[in-house]
Amino acid sequence: MSRLFQQHVQTSPARYLRAQRAHRMAELLISTTDSIETIARHVGWSDPAHASRAFRSIHGVSPQHYRRTHGGAALVRADS
């Protein structure tokens, strides 16, 4: 099954899942005020440090930096 997945998606199931988690984490960083740890757990990472490293490898920046530079909901709340 893994070989078929890789043939059709052009990546391994583990890499695909990691990318999907990182992309969902990015969406939540912008749209919620939840902590990075809470968001990491929500998308399926139990270790926030691992989540941060994986996020950085996909997006090129830390989750905290991503939230700051993309005007996440936390910034809107802080300005109110």
PDB file of N, CA and C in Angstrom:
ATOM      1  N   MET A   1       0.819  -1.182   0.000  1.00  0.00           N
ATOM      2  CA  MET A   1       0.000   0.000   0.000  1.00  0.00           C
ATOM      3  C   MET A   1       0.874   1.261   0.000  1.00  0.00           C
ATOM      4  N   SER A   2       1.962   1.215   0.756  1.00  0.00           N
ATOM      5  CA  SER A   2       2.861   2.353   0.815  1.00  0.00           C
ATOM      6  C   SER A   2       3.454   2.671  -0.557  1.00  0.00           C
ATOM      7  N   ARG A   3       3.821   1.634  -1.281  1.00  0.00           N
ATOM      8  CA  ARG A   3       4.378   1.849  -2.630  1.00  0.00           C
ATOM      9  C   ARG A   3       3.347   2.484  -3.558  1.00  0.00           C
ATOM     10  N   LEU A   4       2.104   2.028  -3.484  1.00  0.00           N
ATOM     11  CA  LEU A   4       1.044   2.612  -4.310  1.00  0.00           C
ATOM     12  C   LEU A   4       0.815   4.076  -3.946  1.00  0.00           C
ATOM     13  N   PHE A   5       0.800   4.356  -2.670  1.00  0.00           N
ATOM     14  CA  PHE A   5       0.633   5.728  -2.214  1.00  0.00           C
ATOM     15  C   PHE A   5       1.744   6.607  -2.787  1.00  0.00           C
ATOM     16  N   GLN A   6       2.967   6.133  -2.666  1.00  0.00           N
ATOM     17  CA  GLN A   6       4.112   6.898  -3.140  1.00  0.00           C
ATOM     18  C   GLN A   6       4.062   7.095  -4.649  1.00  0.00           C
ATOM     19  N   GLN A   7       3.614   6.099  -5.377  1.00  0.00           N
ATOM     20  CA  GLN A   7       3.490   6.215  -6.834  1.00  0.00           C
ATOM     21  C   GLN A   7       2.508   7.313  -7.211  1.00  0.00           C
ATOM     22  N   HIS A   8       1.399   7.390  -6.512  1.00  0.00           N
ATOM     23  CA  HIS A   8       0.345   8.327  -6.880  1.00  0.00           C
ATOM     24  C   HIS A   8       0.519   9.724  -6.301  1.00  0.00           C
ATOM     25  N   VAL A   9       1.110   9.819  -5.138  1.00  0.00           N
ATOM     26  CA  VAL A   9       1.237  11.112  -4.464  1.00  0.00           C
ATOM     27  C   VAL A   9       2.655  11.684  -4.586  1.00  0.00           C
ATOM     28  N   GLN A  10       3.597  10.883  -5.002  1.00  0.00           N
ATOM     29  CA  GLN A  10       4.996  11.290  -5.197  1.00  0.00           C
ATOM     30  C   GLN A  10       5.735  11.601  -3.906  1.00  0.00           C
ATOM     31  N   THR A  11       5.263  11.050  -2.812  1.00  0.00           N
ATOM     32  CA  THR A  11       5.952  11.184  -1.527  1.00  0.00           C
ATOM     33  C   THR A  11       5.516  10.039  -0.627  1.00  0.00           C
ATOM     34  N   SER A  12       6.267   9.815   0.405  1.00  0.00           N
ATOM     35  CA  SER A  12       5.919   8.725   1.326  1.00  0.00           C
ATOM     36  C   SER A  12       4.717   9.128   2.182  1.00  0.00           C
ATOM     37  N   PRO A  13       3.997   8.153   2.704  1.00  0.00           N
ATOM     38  CA  PRO A  13       2.877   8.480   3.591  1.00  0.00           C
ATOM     39  C   PRO A  13       3.306   9.313   4.803  1.00  0.00           C
ATOM     40  N   ALA A  14       4.455   9.020   5.367  1.00  0.00           N
ATOM     41  CA  ALA A  14       4.929   9.779   6.533  1.00  0.00           C
ATOM     42  C   ALA A  14       5.207  11.239   6.177  1.00  0.00           C
ATOM     43  N   ARG A  15       5.846  11.472   5.048  1.00  0.00           N
ATOM     44  CA  ARG A  15       6.125  12.861   4.636  1.00  0.00           C
ATOM     45  C   ARG A  15       4.842  13.604   4.297  1.00  0.00           C
ATOM     46  N   TYR A  16       3.920  12.907   3.675  1.00  0.00           N
ATOM     47  CA  TYR A  16       2.634  13.515   3.337  1.00  0.00           C
ATOM     48  C   TYR A  16       1.908  13.939   4.614  1.00  0.00           C
ATOM     49  N   LEU A  17       1.849  13.046   5.595  1.00  0.00           N
ATOM     50  CA  LEU A  17       1.182  13.349   6.852  1.00  0.00           C
ATOM     51  C   LEU A  17       1.861  14.516   7.560  1.00  0.00           C
ATOM     52  N   ARG A  18       3.165  14.520   7.562  1.00  0.00           N
ATOM     53  CA  ARG A  18       3.916  15.615   8.192  1.00  0.00           C
ATOM     54  C   ARG A  18       3.588  16.954   7.532  1.00  0.00           C
ATOM     55  N   ALA A  19       3.548  16.978   6.212  1.00  0.00           N
ATOM     56  CA  ALA A  19       3.221  18.207   5.483  1.00  0.00           C
ATOM     57  C   ALA A  19       1.785  18.648   5.765  1.00  0.00           C
ATOM     58  N   GLN A  20       0.857  17.697   5.805  1.00  0.00           N
ATOM     59  CA  GLN A  20      -0.533  18.038   6.087  1.00  0.00           C
ATOM     60  C   GLN A  20      -0.683  18.615   7.493  1.00  0.00           C
ATOM     61  N   ARG A  21      -0.007  18.023   8.445  1.00  0.00           N
ATOM     62  CA  ARG A  21      -0.049  18.545   9.819  1.00  0.00           C
ATOM     63  C   ARG A  21       0.529  19.957   9.873  1.00  0.00           C
ATOM     64  N   ALA A  22       1.639  20.181   9.200  1.00  0.00           N
ATOM     65  CA  ALA A  22       2.266  21.507   9.209  1.00  0.00           C
ATOM     66  C   ALA A  22       1.375  22.547   8.547  1.00  0.00           C
ATOM     67  N   HIS A  23       0.715  22.189   7.471  1.00  0.00           N
ATOM     68  CA  HIS A  23      -0.173  23.127   6.783  1.00  0.00           C
ATOM     69  C   HIS A  23      -1.415  23.439   7.630  1.00  0.00           C
ATOM     70  N   ARG A  24      -1.952  22.428   8.283  1.00  0.00           N
ATOM     71  CA  ARG A  24      -3.103  22.668   9.165  1.00  0.00           C
ATOM     72  C   ARG A  24      -2.682  23.502  10.366  1.00  0.00           C
ATOM     73  N   MET A  25      -1.491  23.249  10.873  1.00  0.00           N
ATOM     74  CA  MET A  25      -0.978  24.031  11.986  1.00  0.00           C
ATOM     75  C   MET A  25      -0.847  25.501  11.572  1.00  0.00           C
ATOM     76  N   ALA A  26      -0.371  25.751  10.372  1.00  0.00           N
ATOM     77  CA  ALA A  26      -0.249  27.123   9.871  1.00  0.00           C
ATOM     78  C   ALA A  26      -1.613  27.806   9.832  1.00  0.00           C
ATOM     79  N   GLU A  27      -2.621  27.100   9.356  1.00  0.00           N
ATOM     80  CA  GLU A  27      -3.977  27.670   9.319  1.00  0.00           C
ATOM     81  C   GLU A  27      -4.456  28.033  10.719  1.00  0.00           C
ATOM     82  N   LEU A  28      -4.224  27.140  11.666  1.00  0.00           N
ATOM     83  CA  LEU A  28      -4.685  27.377  13.036  1.00  0.00           C
ATOM     84  C   LEU A  28      -3.888  28.473  13.735  1.00  0.00           C
ATOM     85  N   LEU A  29      -2.625  28.614  13.396  1.00  0.00           N
ATOM     86  CA  LEU A  29      -1.816  29.684  13.982  1.00  0.00           C
ATOM     87  C   LEU A  29      -2.381  31.052  13.611  1.00  0.00           C
ATOM     88  N   ILE A  30      -2.914  31.149  12.425  1.00  0.00           N
ATOM     89  CA  ILE A  30      -3.458  32.418  11.942  1.00  0.00           C
ATOM     90  C   ILE A  30      -4.888  32.642  12.435  1.00  0.00           C
ATOM     91  N   SER A  31      -5.661  31.580  12.500  1.00  0.00           N
ATOM     92  CA  SER A  31      -7.091  31.744  12.755  1.00  0.00           C
ATOM     93  C   SER A  31      -7.531  31.574  14.208  1.00  0.00           C
ATOM     94  N   THR A  32      -6.617  31.152  15.094  1.00  0.00           N
ATOM     95  CA  THR A  32      -6.995  30.976  16.497  1.00  0.00           C
ATOM     96  C   THR A  32      -5.987  31.667  17.400  1.00  0.00           C
ATOM     97  N   THR A  33      -6.366  31.774  18.654  1.00  0.00           N
ATOM     98  CA  THR A  33      -5.446  32.300  19.663  1.00  0.00           C
ATOM     99  C   THR A  33      -4.896  31.172  20.527  1.00  0.00           C
ATOM    100  N   ASP A  34      -5.147  29.943  20.138  1.00  0.00           N
ATOM    101  CA  ASP A  34      -4.644  28.796  20.889  1.00  0.00           C
ATOM    102  C   ASP A  34      -3.121  28.818  20.943  1.00  0.00           C
ATOM    103  N   SER A  35      -2.575  28.256  22.000  1.00  0.00           N
ATOM    104  CA  SER A  35      -1.120  28.183  22.129  1.00  0.00           C
ATOM    105  C   SER A  35      -0.547  27.263  21.052  1.00  0.00           C
ATOM    106  N   ILE A  36       0.716  27.430  20.789  1.00  0.00           N
ATOM    107  CA  ILE A  36       1.398  26.580  19.816  1.00  0.00           C
ATOM    108  C   ILE A  36       1.351  25.131  20.268  1.00  0.00           C
ATOM    109  N   GLU A  37       1.511  24.910  21.554  1.00  0.00           N
ATOM    110  CA  GLU A  37       1.451  23.545  22.098  1.00  0.00           C
ATOM    111  C   GLU A  37       0.072  22.931  21.869  1.00  0.00           C
ATOM    112  N   THR A  38      -0.981  23.685  22.114  1.00  0.00           N
ATOM    113  CA  THR A  38      -2.343  23.191  21.906  1.00  0.00           C
ATOM    114  C   THR A  38      -2.584  22.870  20.442  1.00  0.00           C
ATOM    115  N   ILE A  39      -2.138  23.748  19.566  1.00  0.00           N
ATOM    116  CA  ILE A  39      -2.320  23.525  18.131  1.00  0.00           C
ATOM    117  C   ILE A  39      -1.535  22.295  17.687  1.00  0.00           C
ATOM    118  N   ALA A  40      -0.310  22.158  18.182  1.00  0.00           N
ATOM    119  CA  ALA A  40       0.506  20.993  17.819  1.00  0.00           C
ATOM    120  C   ALA A  40      -0.210  19.704  18.201  1.00  0.00           C
ATOM    121  N   ARG A  41      -0.758  19.679  19.381  1.00  0.00           N
ATOM    122  CA  ARG A  41      -1.492  18.484  19.828  1.00  0.00           C
ATOM    123  C   ARG A  41      -2.754  18.271  18.991  1.00  0.00           C
ATOM    124  N   HIS A  42      -3.417  19.353  18.653  1.00  0.00           N
ATOM    125  CA  HIS A  42      -4.650  19.262  17.865  1.00  0.00           C
ATOM    126  C   HIS A  42      -4.407  18.616  16.490  1.00  0.00           C
ATOM    127  N   VAL A  43      -3.261  18.925  15.892  1.00  0.00           N
ATOM    128  CA  VAL A  43      -2.977  18.357  14.565  1.00  0.00           C
ATOM    129  C   VAL A  43      -2.301  16.999  14.630  1.00  0.00           C
ATOM    130  N   GLY A  44      -2.012  16.516  15.851  1.00  0.00           N
ATOM    131  CA  GLY A  44      -1.505  15.155  15.970  1.00  0.00           C
ATOM    132  C   GLY A  44      -0.085  14.984  16.441  1.00  0.00           C
ATOM    133  N   TRP A  45       0.571  16.080  16.819  1.00  0.00           N
ATOM    134  CA  TRP A  45       1.919  15.979  17.356  1.00  0.00           C
ATOM    135  C   TRP A  45       1.852  16.053  18.873  1.00  0.00           C
ATOM    136  N   SER A  46       2.382  15.062  19.551  1.00  0.00           N
ATOM    137  CA  SER A  46       2.321  15.064  21.017  1.00  0.00           C
ATOM    138  C   SER A  46       3.478  15.834  21.647  1.00  0.00           C
ATOM    139  N   ASP A  47       4.557  16.032  20.900  1.00  0.00           N
ATOM    140  CA  ASP A  47       5.727  16.744  21.412  1.00  0.00           C
ATOM    141  C   ASP A  47       5.831  18.103  20.718  1.00  0.00           C
ATOM    142  N   PRO A  48       5.591  19.195  21.430  1.00  0.00           N
ATOM    143  CA  PRO A  48       5.644  20.519  20.816  1.00  0.00           C
ATOM    144  C   PRO A  48       7.005  20.851  20.185  1.00  0.00           C
ATOM    145  N   ALA A  49       8.092  20.371  20.779  1.00  0.00           N
ATOM    146  CA  ALA A  49       9.417  20.632  20.203  1.00  0.00           C
ATOM    147  C   ALA A  49       9.560  19.941  18.849  1.00  0.00           C
ATOM    148  N   HIS A  50       9.081  18.720  18.759  1.00  0.00           N
ATOM    149  CA  HIS A  50       9.112  18.001  17.480  1.00  0.00           C
ATOM    150  C   HIS A  50       8.224  18.722  16.466  1.00  0.00           C
ATOM    151  N   ALA A  51       7.055  19.167  16.914  1.00  0.00           N
ATOM    152  CA  ALA A  51       6.136  19.887  16.030  1.00  0.00           C
ATOM    153  C   ALA A  51       6.799  21.147  15.480  1.00  0.00           C
ATOM    154  N   SER A  52       7.490  21.859  16.340  1.00  0.00           N
ATOM    155  CA  SER A  52       8.151  23.087  15.919  1.00  0.00           C
ATOM    156  C   SER A  52       9.240  22.806  14.876  1.00  0.00           C
ATOM    157  N   ARG A  53      10.020  21.752  15.091  1.00  0.00           N
ATOM    158  CA  ARG A  53      11.069  21.393  14.118  1.00  0.00           C
ATOM    159  C   ARG A  53      10.450  20.975  12.781  1.00  0.00           C
ATOM    160  N   ALA A  54       9.395  20.179  12.846  1.00  0.00           N
ATOM    161  CA  ALA A  54       8.739  19.731  11.615  1.00  0.00           C
ATOM    162  C   ALA A  54       8.110  20.914  10.885  1.00  0.00           C
ATOM    163  N   PHE A  55       7.472  21.806  11.625  1.00  0.00           N
ATOM    164  CA  PHE A  55       6.866  22.996  11.033  1.00  0.00           C
ATOM    165  C   PHE A  55       7.927  23.842  10.338  1.00  0.00           C
ATOM    166  N   ARG A  56       9.048  24.032  11.027  1.00  0.00           N
ATOM    167  CA  ARG A  56      10.138  24.839  10.460  1.00  0.00           C
ATOM    168  C   ARG A  56      10.693  24.200   9.179  1.00  0.00           C
ATOM    169  N   SER A  57      10.764  22.882   9.149  1.00  0.00           N
ATOM    170  CA  SER A  57      11.307  22.224   7.959  1.00  0.00           C
ATOM    171  C   SER A  57      10.376  22.382   6.755  1.00  0.00           C
ATOM    172  N   ILE A  58       9.083  22.534   6.998  1.00  0.00           N
ATOM    173  CA  ILE A  58       8.112  22.712   5.907  1.00  0.00           C
ATOM    174  C   ILE A  58       7.991  24.185   5.521  1.00  0.00           C
ATOM    175  N   HIS A  59       7.862  25.067   6.516  1.00  0.00           N
ATOM    176  CA  HIS A  59       7.572  26.484   6.258  1.00  0.00           C
ATOM    177  C   HIS A  59       8.797  27.401   6.317  1.00  0.00           C
ATOM    178  N   GLY A  60       9.902  26.906   6.833  1.00  0.00           N
ATOM    179  CA  GLY A  60      11.123  27.703   6.856  1.00  0.00           C
ATOM    180  C   GLY A  60      11.249  28.657   8.037  1.00  0.00           C
ATOM    181  N   VAL A  61      10.226  28.714   8.877  1.00  0.00           N
ATOM    182  CA  VAL A  61      10.257  29.571  10.068  1.00  0.00           C
ATOM    183  C   VAL A  61       9.583  28.830  11.211  1.00  0.00           C
ATOM    184  N   SER A  62       9.822  29.305  12.429  1.00  0.00           N
ATOM    185  CA  SER A  62       9.182  28.687  13.596  1.00  0.00           C
ATOM    186  C   SER A  62       7.690  29.007  13.595  1.00  0.00           C
ATOM    187  N   PRO A  63       6.896  28.217  14.293  1.00  0.00           N
ATOM    188  CA  PRO A  63       5.471  28.527  14.386  1.00  0.00           C
ATOM    189  C   PRO A  63       5.212  29.929  14.967  1.00  0.00           C
ATOM    190  N   GLN A  64       5.985  30.315  15.971  1.00  0.00           N
ATOM    191  CA  GLN A  64       5.818  31.636  16.580  1.00  0.00           C
ATOM    192  C   GLN A  64       6.088  32.746  15.560  1.00  0.00           C
ATOM    193  N   HIS A  65       7.152  32.602  14.812  1.00  0.00           N
ATOM    194  CA  HIS A  65       7.483  33.600  13.792  1.00  0.00           C
ATOM    195  C   HIS A  65       6.409  33.623  12.705  1.00  0.00           C
ATOM    196  N   TYR A  66       5.942  32.462  12.302  1.00  0.00           N
ATOM    197  CA  TYR A  66       4.885  32.375  11.293  1.00  0.00           C
ATOM    198  C   TYR A  66       3.645  33.141  11.750  1.00  0.00           C
ATOM    199  N   ARG A  67       3.247  32.921  12.997  1.00  0.00           N
ATOM    200  CA  ARG A  67       2.056  33.600  13.523  1.00  0.00           C
ATOM    201  C   ARG A  67       2.265  35.108  13.538  1.00  0.00           C
ATOM    202  N   ARG A  68       3.438  35.558  13.983  1.00  0.00           N
ATOM    203  CA  ARG A  68       3.714  37.002  14.031  1.00  0.00           C
ATOM    204  C   ARG A  68       3.695  37.633  12.653  1.00  0.00           C
ATOM    205  N   THR A  69       4.320  36.989  11.681  1.00  0.00           N
ATOM    206  CA  THR A  69       4.446  37.595  10.360  1.00  0.00           C
ATOM    207  C   THR A  69       3.191  37.470   9.505  1.00  0.00           C
ATOM    208  N   HIS A  70       2.287  36.563   9.880  1.00  0.00           N
ATOM    209  CA  HIS A  70       1.067  36.389   9.101  1.00  0.00           C
ATOM    210  C   HIS A  70      -0.155  36.977   9.796  1.00  0.00           C
ATOM    211  N   GLY A  71       0.087  37.792  10.816  1.00  0.00           N
ATOM    212  CA  GLY A  71      -1.012  38.499  11.470  1.00  0.00           C
ATOM    213  C   GLY A  71      -2.062  37.602  12.067  1.00  0.00           C
ATOM    214  N   GLY A  72      -1.625  36.601  12.819  1.00  0.00           N
ATOM    215  CA  GLY A  72      -2.549  35.653  13.418  1.00  0.00           C
ATOM    216  C   GLY A  72      -3.547  36.296  14.363  1.00  0.00           C
ATOM    217  N   ALA A  73      -4.582  35.540  14.704  1.00  0.00           N
ATOM    218  CA  ALA A  73      -5.654  35.996  15.579  1.00  0.00           C
ATOM    219  C   ALA A  73      -5.116  36.493  16.926  1.00  0.00           C
ATOM    220  N   ALA A  74      -4.006  35.923  17.377  1.00  0.00           N
ATOM    221  CA  ALA A  74      -3.419  36.337  18.654  1.00  0.00           C
ATOM    222  C   ALA A  74      -2.994  37.800  18.596  1.00  0.00           C
ATOM    223  N   LEU A  75      -2.527  38.266  17.452  1.00  0.00           N
ATOM    224  CA  LEU A  75      -2.119  39.662  17.312  1.00  0.00           C
ATOM    225  C   LEU A  75      -3.327  40.582  17.322  1.00  0.00           C
ATOM    226  N   VAL A  76      -4.401  40.147  16.690  1.00  0.00           N
ATOM    227  CA  VAL A  76      -5.615  40.952  16.663  1.00  0.00           C
ATOM    228  C   VAL A  76      -6.143  41.120  18.080  1.00  0.00           C
ATOM    229  N   ARG A  77      -6.152  40.037  18.848  1.00  0.00           N
ATOM    230  CA  ARG A  77      -6.631  40.072  20.227  1.00  0.00           C
ATOM    231  C   ARG A  77      -5.736  40.966  21.085  1.00  0.00           C
ATOM    232  N   ALA A  78      -4.447  40.908  20.861  1.00  0.00           N
ATOM    233  CA  ALA A  78      -3.499  41.701  21.649  1.00  0.00           C
ATOM    234  C   ALA A  78      -3.683  43.194  21.372  1.00  0.00           C
ATOM    235  N   ASP A  79      -4.073  43.550  20.155  1.00  0.00           N
ATOM    236  CA  ASP A  79      -4.254  44.953  19.800  1.00  0.00           C
ATOM    237  C   ASP A  79      -5.573  45.527  20.308  1.00  0.00           C
ATOM    238  N   SER A  80      -6.505  44.690  20.672  1.00  0.00           N
ATOM    239  CA  SER A  80      -7.843  45.164  21.097  1.00  0.00           C
ATOM    240  C   SER A  80      -7.798  45.861  22.426  1.00  0.00           C
TER     241      SER A  80
END
